[in-house]
Each structure stands twice: as C-alpha cells, then as structure tokens.
C-alpha cells in the first residue's frame, strides 16, 4: 500500500503538478526579469539625473564663489557683477519654454544629454575671457617687482615721472535623491572655489616667484577660471549616459497586463498606433490651450496662493541677495581671504541649510502637521531666522585705519572728502597720484594707499619683502623727527575682529538652519492650498515668478546698494572707474544686513496674512491631515469643488521638473 501510494503520488506530481509549476515558474521568472530590467533602468536614469543636478548645482554655486575674483580681475563694480549673476536665470528663461514644449514629443533622455552639452559649453565659455584678455595687471610700486636698489617712492621732482595719459583722462572723466544631490553640489562648488582662490589667476602662464602679491592681499585674484573648466568637464560627463538610454523605460508586467486588457487597447492595432498617439497629443494640446486662461484665473483667484507667492518672492529676494554677496561681506567686514571665505560657506553654512530642510520635512511627517500648522511653522521659521539676523548688526568690525580715507594723517577719524584728504603736508613735496592703490602698512599700524602718499624716501628689497624707509607721513602721528618704516600690504584689522568673525559664523549657521526649517512646510502649504488639477500649473507659475522677480533683480540692486559704501575706487588702465578697493565697514554692514532684514520683514507680513486667511476660510475638517495622506483644501470654495474629477488636466499640464527645480 505504501509503494502504490508513492507511485500514485509520483504519477500525479509528474502528470499534474510539474507541468503547472513549470509554466508558473516561467511566467514568474519572465516577470521578475522584466521587473529587474525596469527597476534597473529607473535606477540608472535616477543616478544619471542626480549627477546632472550635482553638476548644475556645482556650477551655480561656484559662480557665486567667484564674484569677488571676477570683480577684481576685470575691474568692474558689484552692480555689474550682479547683472552677470542674474543672467544665469535669464538664460534659463530663454530656453525653458522650448524645452517644455518639445520635451514631451522628442527623445527625452537625449534632450537632457543635449542640455548637459550646452551647459558644459556655457561653463567653458565663462572661463574664456581669461585666455583672451592678457595677463592680470595689478598696481605695484616699480621697486617691489625686481629691484634691490634703493629707490625713492616719493618723487621730489615732479618732472621726473609725468602723469600718464590714463591719469590725465581720469582728471576729466557693475526632490528626492535628486534634491539631496542638488544640495551636496553647492558644498563642493564652494570648496572648489576655496581651492581655486588659493592659486594665482595666471598660474601656468607666469613665473610665480615674480608675483609680489599673497592670497591675503586685497588685489589678489585666484584662478577663478580653473573651476569653470572643471565644472564644464563634470557637466559633459554627466550628459554621456543619457545618449544611451531608451526613449521610454520598460513598463512593469502589471501595467502591461492592465493596459492590454483595457477597452481602449482592443481597438488600437500596431498599424494605427502612431496615428492614435498623434491624435491624442493634439487633443491634449487643444485641451491645454482651452483650459489655460480659466486655470490661470482660478489660480490667481486663490488668496492663499497669491499671498504666499508674494511672501516667497520677497523672501527669495532677501535670501538670494544675501547669499550672492556673502563672500564679499565676509572678506570686507572681517578681513578674511577669498579662499577661507568660500571654505567656511561650503563646509558650514550649506550643510546647515540642508539639515534645516531635512528637519522641516521630518517635523511635518512625524507630527502629521496640517496645512494650518505648516503655515505656522513656515512663519515661525522666518520670524526667528530674521530675528537672529538682527543680532549680526552688533558683530561687525571697525574700519581699518587708512590714512586719507578713514583717518587723517594726524590721526583724526571721520573723513568726508577723501580725495582732498589724501594729500597732506607730509607728502606735499612728492608727485603722487590719488588713483594708485598699492597699500603699505606703517609701523604705527596705519595703512597708506601708496608708498608715495606715505612720504617714503627710500626702499630696499624685492617683491613681498620690500621695506620702505624714511616715511615722513608715518612719523606725523607720533614723533616727526624719527625715521619710520613701512612694509608691503595693508595692516590687519584690530584684535577684536577675529573674535567677531567667530561670533558671526556661529550666528550665521544657526540663522541658516532656522530659515531653512520653513522651506519644506512652505512648499507643502503651496501644494495643499491648490486644487489637484492645478498643482503642477501652480508650481510652474511659482517657479517662474521666483526666477524672474527674485533671481534676476536681487543681485543687481544688492550690488548697486553695496557700491554706495565704497571709499576708494580703482582705476581701469583704459580709463574709467574700476572695482572698489576699500569699503566703509560700518556702512556696508548696515546696507547689506539692513536690506536683507527689510525684505525679510515685508515677507513676514505677507506670511501673517496667509495664516489669517487660512484661519478664516478653513473648516476644522479641512485642517486635518489623516494618517493615509488625505489632503485638506484651503481655498474659499467647497471641498467637493477642490477635488473635482479633472484627470485630463493633470495629464496635460503636469511637468515633474517644475517641482524638482525648486
């Protein structure tokens, strides 16, 4: 009986079970292979796209790290540098319409690859002026270059060296892993800026031993162009994988089964598939054109959206202007080098921003914050962030003592007309130019614009080791009868300045974190207060408004305001005003921080209005966010109207990159 039962079992297993298992195993293996290929394709695409975002973020942040370098290299004011920075957004706006229209019709991965190629070419193009405009010419007294013979900077005979044509003319006449990588990119961008700022601008083209500048000198210009070549190469590498990706990623088996079983697919054969897709595309475009104006009217009629949009525009004006000129502010206010400034921003400030964004999202998820709570969190973040920023007014450094600019030759502070104050009895016998900028540090701790204006009668040494003797203006502050000397370069700021810089860093990091906490709640607020079929359109309008009304103008008018605090302008060799050599520290602090705070305060008022409208128009049921992710509405219309069944508009107006570009 046992043998017969075993034989029965083998018979049934061979005749029934095995064939069934083989067929099922075959289908499961094929499905798993398709699933693996689909997941593999998505992973490759996401990896490549993340690398593209990294390259883009690195290029954009590196541009901001080279602001002061470009300004000095080409002798341009901050306002013109702001135009250069804002043109980055102008370039985006010129191409975004074409890409959004043709992107859905053509080979998307290859379009991304072509975009990387264009971005790489543009980055290379930024570096090209370095190779076509000659070597960097900085102002230096001739004896400091290659002479060891004693030379008199104070030219007693005015006919010995006549005024150049230049000086004569001057007498007459600026979401996801993807989002994470996009935040990592700026860190490496500023660190790259720090590295390049330590290298001399003409490295590889001149003898570095003949350079009399150091990276601590205000005339020092780093190898700003080198970072653009590196960023361009990274962008070029980032675009390579997209040329080998298929036009469409393979669909999972479940989606294929559902699509083949639909009623629509029964009437579509392979022959007329292209015709159907073309017709469907035409229908989508027609629907999108027909619904554009009503959708725009509906969107602009949402008070919460409009108020939040105004608050964001003004706040981004504040933040973009502050970030653009933060390296310049640190250099001028605390006397730090460009290399150290970029290193600090990249290694401390940007990670604080990333951690703040992450914390805001974590709070929203853990505590299941509703739309009203998101508005409160966003408002609280802005309020406390700008309150901390207010404390930075007390963390500044006093002006350096510069004879003829911040102090007189007799030690009196509070100069008014610096052009007349540059000349004194102690240098009246010298033929000096007020346009020179070759600072020296007297042993009395005062900086003099040039050795000639310091009344120095002799010099010895070469390059950075040049020492000036018998400087009559240096001795006027103490004992004129004694012989005083001076060394190359400006004097360092007071002993309290390094301590103030440390305080500034601590408060700056806390402020960056606090302001960033409200980023995610604010974005969630934007999405929840809009009808589902208008969300992508709302994000598109939001992104466009931020770019046009904040990204472009903020660097320009911040630069114009900063230029008003300049005490000593440089002079171009071809005539005209160049870059600023010295800023009024106190005025710079009040203008830079004051403009940031005024804009931030105005944005807070709009945020308060958003909260007030939400409290007035939202019902208790609409404020609840359930555990399964159900969203509440915040408009003035009914919940049923907000969640109307308009799937066709979701399909026609949705563009995922609108969200990720924030």
Foldseek 3Di string as FASTA:
>chain_A
DVVVVVVVVVVCCVPPVVVVVVVVVVVVVVLVVLVVQLVVQVVVVVVLLLLLLLLVLLLLLLLLLCLLLVQLQFQAFLLASLQVQLVVLVVCVVCVVVCVVCCVPDQNLVVLLVVLLVVLVVLLVVLVVLVVVDDRDAFDDVCQQDHFDKDFLFALDQVPDDDDPQLVVQVPHHDDSSLVSNLLSSLVNLLVSLVQLQAACCPPNDDPVRAQDHLLFLSTRGVSSVSSNVSSVSSNVSSVVSVVRGSDRRDRPVVVVVVCPDPVNVPDDPVCPVVVVVVVVVVLVVVCVVCVVVLVVVQVVFLLLVLLLLLVLLLLLLVLLLSSCVLVLCCFFQSDGSSVSSNLCSPFQSVLLVVLLVLLVVCCQVVVAFLLRLLVLLLQLLVVLLVLLVVLLVLTAAFFAEDLFQAHLQGHGDDDPSLVRLADPLLVSGNDDPQAAFWKAWPVRHIYRDQSSQNFGIWGDYRQAIKTKQRQSSCNNPHNVDMTMIGGHHGHGDPCSVVSSVVVSVSSSVSSSSNSSSVVSSVVSSQQQAQPLCRQVSLLVSLVSNSPSRSNCSSNVSSVQQVVQARHFHADPVYDTGYGSHGRNSSNSCSSSVSSSVSSVVSSVSSVVSSVLQVVQDDPVLRGQDPVGDHHYRGNDDPCVSHDPDVSSNVSRHDVVSVVVD
